[in-house]
Amino acid sequence: MAGLLMCLQITLGWYMLNSGLHRELMANKKKPGVSQYRMAFHLIDPFLIFGIFFYNASSLLLQPQNVNHL
């Protein structure tokens, strides 16, 4: 799952940069910019990847305790 999200991160990065590199902008020598919506999706994806890694690490490190002693 995390591997697919990493591939999505690369694809979203290319898609985001592609939105700001139009030939019309470059021909008119205007400052290139990217779509704020594409940048937001590009930012949300690493948080999802980190959440998956954190959940997996915490489930491996924090084993359930036996509560039958009560």
N, C-alpha and C. Protein backbone atom coordinates (compact mmCIF):
# COMPACT_ATOMS: atom_id res chain seq x y z
N MET A 1 0.83 -1.20 0.00
CA MET A 1 0.00 0.00 0.00
C MET A 1 0.86 1.25 0.00
N ALA A 2 1.89 1.27 0.87
CA ALA A 2 2.73 2.46 0.94
C ALA A 2 3.53 2.63 -0.35
N GLY A 3 3.90 1.53 -0.98
CA GLY A 3 4.62 1.61 -2.26
C GLY A 3 3.77 2.25 -3.34
N LEU A 4 2.49 1.91 -3.36
CA LEU A 4 1.59 2.53 -4.33
C LEU A 4 1.43 4.03 -4.06
N LEU A 5 1.38 4.39 -2.78
CA LEU A 5 1.27 5.81 -2.44
C LEU A 5 2.54 6.56 -2.80
N MET A 6 3.70 5.89 -2.71
CA MET A 6 4.94 6.54 -3.12
C MET A 6 4.96 6.77 -4.63
N CYS A 7 4.48 5.80 -5.38
CA CYS A 7 4.36 5.99 -6.83
C CYS A 7 3.37 7.10 -7.15
N LEU A 8 2.30 7.18 -6.37
CA LEU A 8 1.33 8.25 -6.54
C LEU A 8 1.96 9.60 -6.24
N GLN A 9 2.85 9.64 -5.25
CA GLN A 9 3.54 10.88 -4.90
C GLN A 9 4.39 11.38 -6.07
N ILE A 10 5.08 10.48 -6.73
CA ILE A 10 5.89 10.86 -7.89
C ILE A 10 5.00 11.36 -9.02
N THR A 11 3.92 10.64 -9.26
CA THR A 11 3.00 11.03 -10.33
C THR A 11 2.35 12.38 -10.04
N LEU A 12 1.95 12.60 -8.80
CA LEU A 12 1.34 13.88 -8.43
C LEU A 12 2.35 15.01 -8.54
N GLY A 13 3.61 14.75 -8.23
CA GLY A 13 4.64 15.77 -8.37
C GLY A 13 4.82 16.18 -9.82
N TRP A 14 4.85 15.20 -10.70
CA TRP A 14 4.97 15.52 -12.12
C TRP A 14 3.72 16.27 -12.60
N TYR A 15 2.55 15.81 -12.18
CA TYR A 15 1.29 16.44 -12.58
C TYR A 15 1.21 17.88 -12.08
N MET A 16 1.71 18.11 -10.86
CA MET A 16 1.70 19.44 -10.28
C MET A 16 2.63 20.36 -11.07
N LEU A 17 3.84 19.91 -11.33
CA LEU A 17 4.79 20.75 -12.06
C LEU A 17 4.36 20.98 -13.50
N ASN A 18 3.72 20.00 -14.08
CA ASN A 18 3.26 20.13 -15.45
C ASN A 18 2.20 21.24 -15.57
N SER A 19 1.46 21.49 -14.49
CA SER A 19 0.43 22.53 -14.54
C SER A 19 1.02 23.93 -14.63
N GLY A 20 2.27 24.10 -14.20
CA GLY A 20 2.87 25.43 -14.21
C GLY A 20 3.83 25.68 -15.34
N LEU A 21 4.07 24.68 -16.15
CA LEU A 21 5.07 24.82 -17.21
C LEU A 21 4.42 24.81 -18.58
N HIS A 22 3.44 25.67 -18.78
CA HIS A 22 2.78 25.78 -20.08
C HIS A 22 3.66 26.60 -21.02
N ARG A 23 3.55 26.28 -22.29
CA ARG A 23 4.34 27.01 -23.29
C ARG A 23 3.95 28.48 -23.37
N GLU A 24 2.68 28.78 -23.13
CA GLU A 24 2.23 30.17 -23.18
C GLU A 24 2.90 30.99 -22.07
N LEU A 25 3.00 30.42 -20.87
CA LEU A 25 3.65 31.13 -19.77
C LEU A 25 5.13 31.33 -20.06
N MET A 26 5.75 30.31 -20.61
CA MET A 26 7.18 30.40 -20.88
C MET A 26 7.46 31.34 -22.05
N ALA A 27 6.57 31.38 -23.03
CA ALA A 27 6.77 32.26 -24.18
C ALA A 27 6.60 33.73 -23.79
N ASN A 28 5.66 34.01 -22.89
CA ASN A 28 5.43 35.39 -22.45
C ASN A 28 6.37 35.80 -21.33
N LYS A 29 7.22 34.87 -20.90
CA LYS A 29 8.21 35.10 -19.84
C LYS A 29 7.54 35.52 -18.53
N LYS A 30 6.37 34.96 -18.29
CA LYS A 30 5.71 35.19 -17.01
C LYS A 30 6.26 34.19 -16.01
N LYS A 31 6.06 34.50 -14.77
CA LYS A 31 6.54 33.61 -13.71
C LYS A 31 5.69 32.35 -13.71
N PRO A 32 6.32 31.18 -13.84
CA PRO A 32 5.52 29.95 -13.81
C PRO A 32 4.99 29.67 -12.40
N GLY A 33 3.81 29.13 -12.34
CA GLY A 33 3.20 28.80 -11.06
C GLY A 33 2.48 27.47 -11.18
N VAL A 34 2.20 26.87 -10.05
CA VAL A 34 1.51 25.58 -10.06
C VAL A 34 0.13 25.75 -9.46
N SER A 35 -0.73 24.82 -9.76
CA SER A 35 -2.09 24.84 -9.22
C SER A 35 -2.05 24.55 -7.72
N GLN A 36 -2.75 25.35 -6.96
CA GLN A 36 -2.75 25.15 -5.50
C GLN A 36 -3.46 23.86 -5.12
N TYR A 37 -4.41 23.42 -5.92
CA TYR A 37 -5.10 22.16 -5.63
C TYR A 37 -4.19 20.97 -5.86
N ARG A 38 -3.42 21.02 -6.94
CA ARG A 38 -2.47 19.94 -7.20
C ARG A 38 -1.37 19.93 -6.15
N MET A 39 -0.96 21.10 -5.70
CA MET A 39 0.06 21.16 -4.65
C MET A 39 -0.49 20.60 -3.34
N ALA A 40 -1.76 20.85 -3.06
CA ALA A 40 -2.36 20.32 -1.83
C ALA A 40 -2.42 18.80 -1.87
N PHE A 41 -2.79 18.22 -3.01
CA PHE A 41 -2.81 16.76 -3.11
C PHE A 41 -1.40 16.19 -3.01
N HIS A 42 -0.43 16.92 -3.56
CA HIS A 42 0.96 16.49 -3.48
C HIS A 42 1.46 16.55 -2.04
N LEU A 43 0.91 17.42 -1.22
CA LEU A 43 1.28 17.53 0.19
C LEU A 43 0.55 16.52 1.06
N ILE A 44 -0.69 16.21 0.73
CA ILE A 44 -1.48 15.27 1.54
C ILE A 44 -0.92 13.85 1.44
N ASP A 45 -0.42 13.49 0.28
CA ASP A 45 0.07 12.12 0.07
C ASP A 45 1.21 11.73 1.02
N PRO A 46 2.22 12.59 1.28
CA PRO A 46 3.24 12.18 2.25
C PRO A 46 2.70 11.99 3.66
N PHE A 47 1.67 12.75 4.02
CA PHE A 47 1.07 12.55 5.34
C PHE A 47 0.39 11.18 5.42
N LEU A 48 -0.25 10.75 4.33
CA LEU A 48 -0.84 9.42 4.31
C LEU A 48 0.23 8.34 4.40
N ILE A 49 1.33 8.53 3.67
CA ILE A 49 2.42 7.56 3.71
C ILE A 49 3.01 7.49 5.11
N PHE A 50 3.24 8.65 5.73
CA PHE A 50 3.77 8.67 7.09
C PHE A 50 2.81 8.00 8.07
N GLY A 51 1.51 8.24 7.91
CA GLY A 51 0.53 7.61 8.78
C GLY A 51 0.54 6.10 8.67
N ILE A 52 0.68 5.59 7.46
CA ILE A 52 0.74 4.14 7.27
C ILE A 52 2.00 3.57 7.90
N PHE A 53 3.14 4.23 7.69
CA PHE A 53 4.38 3.76 8.30
C PHE A 53 4.31 3.82 9.82
N PHE A 54 3.74 4.89 10.35
CA PHE A 54 3.62 5.04 11.80
C PHE A 54 2.69 3.98 12.39
N TYR A 55 1.59 3.71 11.72
CA TYR A 55 0.65 2.69 12.19
C TYR A 55 1.31 1.32 12.19
N ASN A 56 2.02 1.00 11.11
CA ASN A 56 2.68 -0.30 11.04
C ASN A 56 3.78 -0.43 12.09
N ALA A 57 4.57 0.62 12.28
CA ALA A 57 5.63 0.57 13.29
C ALA A 57 5.06 0.46 14.69
N SER A 58 4.02 1.21 14.97
CA SER A 58 3.44 1.15 16.31
C SER A 58 2.77 -0.20 16.58
N SER A 59 2.20 -0.81 15.57
CA SER A 59 1.59 -2.12 15.78
C SER A 59 2.64 -3.20 15.99
N LEU A 60 3.84 -3.00 15.44
CA LEU A 60 4.92 -3.97 15.67
C LEU A 60 5.59 -3.75 17.01
N LEU A 61 5.72 -2.50 17.43
CA LEU A 61 6.43 -2.20 18.68
C LEU A 61 5.55 -2.34 19.91
N LEU A 62 4.29 -2.01 19.80
CA LEU A 62 3.40 -2.06 20.95
C LEU A 62 2.52 -3.30 20.85
N GLN A 63 2.96 -4.35 21.48
CA GLN A 63 2.21 -5.60 21.47
C GLN A 63 1.08 -5.52 22.50
N PRO A 64 -0.04 -6.15 22.23
CA PRO A 64 -1.14 -6.13 23.21
C PRO A 64 -0.72 -6.86 24.49
N GLN A 65 -1.17 -6.34 25.62
CA GLN A 65 -0.83 -6.93 26.90
C GLN A 65 -1.90 -7.93 27.31
N ASN A 66 -1.48 -8.91 28.07
CA ASN A 66 -2.40 -9.93 28.59
C ASN A 66 -3.10 -9.36 29.81
N VAL A 67 -4.42 -9.24 29.75
CA VAL A 67 -5.18 -8.65 30.84
C VAL A 67 -5.94 -9.70 31.66
N ASN A 68 -5.59 -10.96 31.51
CA ASN A 68 -6.27 -12.02 32.24
C ASN A 68 -5.83 -12.11 33.70
N HIS A 69 -4.83 -11.35 34.09
CA HIS A 69 -4.31 -11.40 35.45
C HIS A 69 -5.24 -10.73 36.45
N LEU A 70 -6.17 -9.96 35.99
CA LEU A 70 -7.04 -9.20 36.90
C LEU A 70 -7.96 -10.14 37.54
